[in-house]
C-alpha atoms as a PDB file:
ATOM      1  CA  MET A   1     114.646 -58.115 162.605  1.00  0.00           C
ATOM      2  CA  LYS A   2     113.622 -54.327 163.160  1.00  0.00           C
ATOM      3  CA  MET A   3     114.090 -54.754 167.024  1.00  0.00           C
ATOM      4  CA  GLU A   4     117.490 -56.431 166.855  1.00  0.00           C
ATOM      5  CA  ARG A   5     118.859 -53.591 164.615  1.00  0.00           C
ATOM      6  CA  LYS A   6     117.495 -50.607 167.000  1.00  0.00           C
ATOM      7  CA  CYS A   7     119.508 -52.969 169.920  1.00  0.00           C
ATOM      8  CA  CYS A   8     122.351 -53.071 167.850  1.00  0.00           C
ATOM      9  CA  PHE A   9     121.989 -49.380 167.190  1.00  0.00           C
ATOM     10  CA  MET A  10     121.632 -48.214 170.775  1.00  0.00           C
ATOM     11  CA  ARG A  11     124.756 -49.828 172.360  1.00  0.00           C
ATOM     12  CA  SER A  12     126.586 -48.009 169.653  1.00  0.00           C
ATOM     13  CA  LYS A  13     125.476 -44.992 170.551  1.00  0.00           C
ATOM     14  CA  ARG A  14     125.876 -46.003 174.501  1.00  0.00           C
ATOM     15  CA  ALA A  15     129.613 -47.105 172.924  1.00  0.00           C
ATOM     16  CA  ASN A  16     130.330 -43.723 171.562  1.00  0.00           C
ATOM     17  CA  LYS A  17     128.962 -41.405 174.418  1.00  0.00           C
ATOM     18  CA  THR A  18     131.437 -43.611 177.012  1.00  0.00           C
ATOM     19  CA  ALA A  19     134.019 -43.488 174.630  1.00  0.00           C
ATOM     20  CA  SER A  20     133.776 -39.569 174.273  1.00  0.00           C
ATOM     21  CA  LEU A  21     133.687 -39.327 177.903  1.00  0.00           C
ATOM     22  CA  PHE A  22     136.744 -40.926 178.235  1.00  0.00           C
ATOM     23  CA  LEU A  23     138.456 -38.741 176.007  1.00  0.00           C
ATOM     24  CA  ALA A  24     137.245 -35.819 177.769  1.00  0.00           C
ATOM     25  CA  VAL A  25     138.206 -36.750 181.105  1.00  0.00           C
ATOM     26  CA  CYS A  26     142.211 -37.615 179.397  1.00  0.00           C
ATOM     27  CA  PHE A  27     141.692 -34.402 178.150  1.00  0.00           C
ATOM     28  CA  VAL A  28     141.284 -32.862 181.192  1.00  0.00           C
ATOM     29  CA  LEU A  29     143.839 -34.966 182.932  1.00  0.00           C
ATOM     30  CA  VAL A  30     146.832 -34.144 180.230  1.00  0.00           C
ATOM     31  CA  MET A  31     145.785 -29.888 180.688  1.00  0.00           C
ATOM     32  CA  ILE A  32     145.913 -30.171 184.132  1.00  0.00           C
ATOM     33  CA  SER A  33     149.054 -31.551 184.183  1.00  0.00           C
ATOM     34  CA  LEU A  34     151.064 -29.708 181.891  1.00  0.00           C
ATOM     35  CA  PRO A  35     151.649 -26.517 183.856  1.00  0.00           C
ATOM     36  CA  ALA A  36     153.211 -28.977 186.310  1.00  0.00           C
ATOM     37  CA  LEU A  37     155.495 -30.652 183.760  1.00  0.00           C
ATOM     38  CA  ALA A  38     156.537 -27.112 183.019  1.00  0.00           C
ATOM     39  CA  GLU A  39     157.516 -26.223 186.503  1.00  0.00           C
ATOM     40  CA  ASN A  40     159.842 -29.590 186.384  1.00  0.00           C
ATOM     41  CA  GLU A  41     161.324 -28.733 182.768  1.00  0.00           C
ATOM     42  CA  ALA A  42     164.727 -27.449 184.047  1.00  0.00           C
ATOM     43  CA  GLU A  43     165.391 -30.274 186.106  1.00  0.00           C
ATOM     44  CA  ILE A  44     164.569 -32.768 183.456  1.00  0.00           C
ATOM     45  CA  GLN A  45     166.053 -30.539 180.079  1.00  0.00           C
ATOM     46  CA  PRO A  46     170.003 -31.201 179.659  1.00  0.00           C
ATOM     47  CA  LEU A  47     171.872 -28.372 180.129  1.00  0.00           C
ATOM     48  CA  ALA A  48     172.953 -26.041 177.154  1.00  0.00           C
ATOM     49  CA  ALA A  49     175.699 -23.645 178.228  1.00  0.00           C
ATOM     50  CA  ALA A  50     178.722 -23.980 180.246  1.00  0.00           C
ATOM     51  CA  ALA A  51     181.757 -22.154 181.965  1.00  0.00           C
ATOM     52  CA  THR A  52     184.334 -23.174 184.008  1.00  0.00           C
ATOM     53  CA  VAL A  53     185.676 -20.414 186.925  1.00  0.00           C
ATOM     54  CA  THR A  54     188.418 -20.831 189.380  1.00  0.00           C
ATOM     55  CA  ASP A  55     188.319 -17.808 191.366  1.00  0.00           C
ATOM     56  CA  PHE A  56     186.033 -15.125 193.044  1.00  0.00           C
ATOM     57  CA  ALA A  57     186.193 -12.609 190.485  1.00  0.00           C
ATOM     58  CA  GLY A  58     185.864 -15.185 187.595  1.00  0.00           C
ATOM     59  CA  LEU A  59     182.495 -16.296 189.463  1.00  0.00           C
ATOM     60  CA  LYS A  60     181.262 -13.048 190.330  1.00  0.00           C
ATOM     61  CA  ALA A  61     181.416 -12.383 186.004  1.00  0.00           C
ATOM     62  CA  ALA A  62     180.308 -15.455 185.438  1.00  0.00           C
ATOM     63  CA  ILE A  63     177.050 -14.836 187.132  1.00  0.00           C
ATOM     64  CA  ALA A  64     176.794 -11.233 186.667  1.00  0.00           C
ATOM     65  CA  ALA A  65     176.662 -12.417 182.798  1.00  0.00           C
ATOM     66  CA  PHE A  66     174.120 -15.459 183.456  1.00  0.00           C
ATOM     67  CA  ASN A  67     172.201 -12.416 185.038  1.00  0.00           C
ATOM     68  CA  ASP A  68     172.061 -10.153 182.875  1.00  0.00           C
ATOM     69  CA  SER A  69     172.100 -12.127 178.879  1.00  0.00           C
ATOM     70  CA  ALA A  70     171.852 -15.756 179.802  1.00  0.00           C
ATOM     71  CA  ALA A  71     169.023 -16.875 176.588  1.00  0.00           C
ATOM     72  CA  GLU A  72     169.092 -20.589 177.983  1.00  0.00           C
ATOM     73  CA  ASP A  73     170.131 -22.476 180.884  1.00  0.00           C
ATOM     74  CA  THR A  74     173.815 -22.629 182.045  1.00  0.00           C
ATOM     75  CA  THR A  75     176.352 -24.876 183.843  1.00  0.00           C
ATOM     76  CA  ILE A  76     179.355 -23.153 185.635  1.00  0.00           C
ATOM     77  CA  VAL A  77     181.866 -25.304 186.723  1.00  0.00           C
ATOM     78  CA  VAL A  78     183.656 -24.228 189.972  1.00  0.00           C
ATOM     79  CA  SER A  79     186.953 -25.787 189.360  1.00  0.00           C
ATOM     80  CA  GLY A  80     189.161 -26.352 193.151  1.00  0.00           C
ATOM     81  CA  SER A  81     188.173 -24.149 196.005  1.00  0.00           C
ATOM     82  CA  ILE A  82     186.775 -20.372 196.123  1.00  0.00           C
ATOM     83  CA  ASP A  83     186.998 -17.871 198.669  1.00  0.00           C
ATOM     84  CA  MET A  84     183.333 -16.394 199.178  1.00  0.00           C
ATOM     85  CA  THR A  85     184.125 -12.449 200.120  1.00  0.00           C
ATOM     86  CA  GLU A  86     180.587 -11.303 199.156  1.00  0.00           C
ATOM     87  CA  ASP A  87     177.312 -12.770 198.460  1.00  0.00           C
ATOM     88  CA  LEU A  88     176.655 -13.381 194.582  1.00  0.00           C
ATOM     89  CA  ALA A  89     173.004 -13.075 193.876  1.00  0.00           C
ATOM     90  CA  VAL A  90     171.109 -15.114 191.309  1.00  0.00           C
ATOM     91  CA  SER A  91     168.543 -13.272 189.611  1.00  0.00           C
ATOM     92  CA  ASN A  92     167.967 -14.618 185.998  1.00  0.00           C
ATOM     93  CA  ALA A  93     164.211 -15.569 186.069  1.00  0.00           C
ATOM     94  CA  ASP A  94     164.082 -16.810 182.481  1.00  0.00           C
ATOM     95  CA  CYS A  95     166.780 -19.651 182.748  1.00  0.00           C
ATOM     96  CA  VAL A  96     167.929 -22.419 185.138  1.00  0.00           C
ATOM     97  CA  LEU A  97     171.720 -22.043 186.827  1.00  0.00           C
ATOM     98  CA  THR A  98     173.697 -24.707 187.650  1.00  0.00           C
ATOM     99  CA  LEU A  99     176.862 -24.460 189.741  1.00  0.00           C
ATOM    100  CA  THR A 100     178.942 -27.689 190.076  1.00  0.00           C
ATOM    101  CA  GLY A 101     182.358 -29.244 190.854  1.00  0.00           C
ATOM    102  CA  GLY A 102     184.591 -27.454 193.292  1.00  0.00           C
ATOM    103  CA  THR A 103     184.233 -25.935 196.139  1.00  0.00           C
ATOM    104  CA  LEU A 104     183.047 -22.205 197.764  1.00  0.00           C
ATOM    105  CA  ARG A 105     184.227 -21.362 201.150  1.00  0.00           C
ATOM    106  CA  ARG A 106     182.855 -18.840 203.395  1.00  0.00           C
ATOM    107  CA  ALA A 107     186.213 -15.779 203.711  1.00  0.00           C
ATOM    108  CA  ALA A 108     184.319 -13.115 205.101  1.00  0.00           C
ATOM    109  CA  ALA A 109     181.634 -12.928 208.479  1.00  0.00           C
ATOM    110  CA  ASP A 110     178.047 -12.611 207.622  1.00  0.00           C
ATOM    111  CA  VAL A 111     178.051 -12.982 203.807  1.00  0.00           C
ATOM    112  CA  TYR A 112     175.426 -15.375 202.738  1.00  0.00           C
ATOM    113  CA  LEU A 113     177.402 -17.210 199.888  1.00  0.00           C
ATOM    114  CA  LEU A 114     174.735 -17.656 197.326  1.00  0.00           C
ATOM    115  CA  ARG A 115     171.095 -15.519 197.380  1.00  0.00           C
ATOM    116  CA  VAL A 116     168.433 -16.929 194.963  1.00  0.00           C
ATOM    117  CA  ALA A 117     166.336 -14.025 194.109  1.00  0.00           C
ATOM    118  CA  PRO A 118     162.438 -14.044 193.311  1.00  0.00           C
ATOM    119  CA  ASP A 119     161.352 -16.386 190.471  1.00  0.00           C
ATOM    120  CA  ALA A 120     164.911 -17.236 190.153  1.00  0.00           C
ATOM    121  CA  ALA A 121     165.894 -20.778 189.835  1.00  0.00           C
ATOM    122  CA  LEU A 122     169.695 -22.532 191.094  1.00  0.00           C
ATOM    123  CA  ILE A 123     170.949 -26.356 190.746  1.00  0.00           C
ATOM    124  CA  LEU A 124     173.734 -26.736 193.227  1.00  0.00           C
ATOM    125  CA  GLU A 125     175.498 -30.456 191.816  1.00  0.00           C
ATOM    126  CA  ASP A 126     178.640 -31.863 193.100  1.00  0.00           C
ATOM    127  CA  ILE A 127     179.620 -28.805 195.037  1.00  0.00           C
ATOM    128  CA  THR A 128     180.348 -27.933 198.437  1.00  0.00           C
ATOM    129  CA  LEU A 129     179.291 -25.234 200.287  1.00  0.00           C
ATOM    130  CA  ASP A 130     181.324 -24.626 203.578  1.00  0.00           C
ATOM    131  CA  GLY A 131     180.382 -22.006 205.781  1.00  0.00           C
ATOM    132  CA  ALA A 132     184.289 -21.599 207.821  1.00  0.00           C
ATOM    133  CA  LYS A 133     182.859 -22.121 211.249  1.00  0.00           C
ATOM    134  CA  GLY A 134     186.091 -22.770 212.445  1.00  0.00           C
ATOM    135  CA  THR A 135     186.881 -19.506 211.238  1.00  0.00           C
ATOM    136  CA  TYR A 136     184.065 -17.616 211.630  1.00  0.00           C
ATOM    137  CA  GLY A 137     181.999 -18.669 214.557  1.00  0.00           C
ATOM    138  CA  ALA A 138     178.382 -18.232 214.488  1.00  0.00           C
ATOM    139  CA  GLY A 139     177.541 -15.682 212.356  1.00  0.00           C
ATOM    140  CA  ILE A 140     173.816 -14.232 211.583  1.00  0.00           C
ATOM    141  CA  ILE A 141     173.069 -15.940 208.480  1.00  0.00           C
ATOM    142  CA  GLY A 142     173.294 -19.505 206.165  1.00  0.00           C
ATOM    143  CA  LEU A 143     175.323 -20.488 203.470  1.00  0.00           C
ATOM    144  CA  VAL A 144     172.174 -19.527 200.561  1.00  0.00           C
ATOM    145  CA  TYR A 145     169.379 -17.532 200.986  1.00  0.00           C
ATOM    146  CA  VAL A 146     166.443 -18.088 199.218  1.00  0.00           C
ATOM    147  CA  ALA A 147     164.027 -15.073 198.216  1.00  0.00           C
ATOM    148  CA  GLY A 148     161.439 -16.461 196.288  1.00  0.00           C
ATOM    149  CA  GLY A 149     163.153 -17.963 194.065  1.00  0.00           C
ATOM    150  CA  ALA A 150     163.939 -22.289 193.446  1.00  0.00           C
ATOM    151  CA  LEU A 151     166.958 -23.852 194.868  1.00  0.00           C
ATOM    152  CA  THR A 152     167.289 -27.449 193.853  1.00  0.00           C
ATOM    153  CA  LEU A 153     169.850 -29.718 195.960  1.00  0.00           C
ATOM    154  CA  ARG A 154     171.114 -32.560 193.625  1.00  0.00           C
ATOM    155  CA  ASP A 155     173.930 -35.932 194.173  1.00  0.00           C
ATOM    156  CA  GLY A 156     177.339 -34.277 195.376  1.00  0.00           C
ATOM    157  CA  ALA A 157     176.013 -31.390 196.635  1.00  0.00           C
ATOM    158  CA  ILE A 158     177.151 -30.358 200.156  1.00  0.00           C
ATOM    159  CA  LEU A 159     176.283 -27.722 202.778  1.00  0.00           C
ATOM    160  CA  GLN A 160     178.580 -28.065 205.524  1.00  0.00           C
ATOM    161  CA  ASP A 161     180.197 -26.475 208.769  1.00  0.00           C
ATOM    162  CA  ASN A 162     177.892 -22.779 209.046  1.00  0.00           C
ATOM    163  CA  VAL A 163     176.761 -21.648 212.325  1.00  0.00           C
ATOM    164  CA  SER A 164     174.329 -18.661 211.956  1.00  0.00           C
ATOM    165  CA  ASN A 165     171.268 -17.215 213.729  1.00  0.00           C
ATOM    166  CA  TYR A 166     168.850 -17.989 211.058  1.00  0.00           C
ATOM    167  CA  GLY A 167     169.205 -20.886 208.315  1.00  0.00           C
ATOM    168  CA  GLY A 168     171.985 -23.114 209.077  1.00  0.00           C
ATOM    169  CA  GLY A 169     172.609 -24.455 206.011  1.00  0.00           C
ATOM    170  CA  VAL A 170     169.405 -22.823 203.892  1.00  0.00           C
ATOM    171  CA  PHE A 171     167.509 -19.775 205.013  1.00  0.00           C
ATOM    172  CA  VAL A 172     164.256 -19.645 202.882  1.00  0.00           C
ATOM    173  CA  LEU A 173     162.235 -16.896 203.483  1.00  0.00           C
ATOM    174  CA  ALA A 174     160.004 -17.642 200.761  1.00  0.00           C
ATOM    175  CA  GLY A 175     160.011 -19.782 197.546  1.00  0.00           C
ATOM    176  CA  SER A 176     161.168 -23.196 197.535  1.00  0.00           C
ATOM    177  CA  VAL A 177     163.773 -26.267 197.944  1.00  0.00           C
ATOM    178  CA  ALA A 178     164.084 -29.229 196.327  1.00  0.00           C
ATOM    179  CA  MET A 179     166.742 -32.057 197.777  1.00  0.00           C
ATOM    180  CA  ASN A 180     167.023 -34.324 194.877  1.00  0.00           C
ATOM    181  CA  GLY A 181     170.322 -35.732 196.449  1.00  0.00           C
ATOM    182  CA  GLY A 182     172.418 -33.886 198.163  1.00  0.00           C
ATOM    183  CA  GLN A 183     173.107 -33.125 202.157  1.00  0.00           C
ATOM    184  CA  ILE A 184     173.322 -30.528 204.743  1.00  0.00           C
ATOM    185  CA  SER A 185     175.129 -31.326 207.587  1.00  0.00           C
ATOM    186  CA  GLY A 186     177.379 -29.843 210.556  1.00  0.00           C
ATOM    187  CA  ASN A 187     174.929 -26.499 210.456  1.00  0.00           C
ATOM    188  CA  THR A 188     173.199 -25.436 213.008  1.00  0.00           C
ATOM    189  CA  ALA A 189     170.704 -22.321 213.589  1.00  0.00           C
ATOM    190  CA  ALA A 190     169.769 -20.609 216.397  1.00  0.00           C
END
């Protein structure tokens, strides 16, 4: 009888060690995956604020306001077509900017339409960026310049019709580009 209890106790002790080891491994795996989840948080959270713009001045002001004071992810809706006469930089490193709707069209030579500064994040969704290569021919720059930030293309994002020495549709000096939909087409880079 004594022997039987000891065996039962030993099995229980082994089961406890196995269960403890299993829980420790699970804990380590969860802790390892938390930074990856935090990096993708901007892509899975709904966007909180939105503004609609209809011209270059409105877009410039909306992006400047986002860069200067946005405390939450923001969506700017482009209504119609906007001629881009200078490049606009997304530089807020604390929030994600989403541009959606309409068309941004190059209206001056050698102008990036958008720049993504270090640690900033830009999402393009259901929007067209057009390089107007029939009008401006071969420029030296792409449509979007990623300089240490993160650019994400989603469904309906189109980067098209650009000829440049660097980048074609997107020029990435540092940072990242994720294509979760959309297309980059009709662009050439030397």
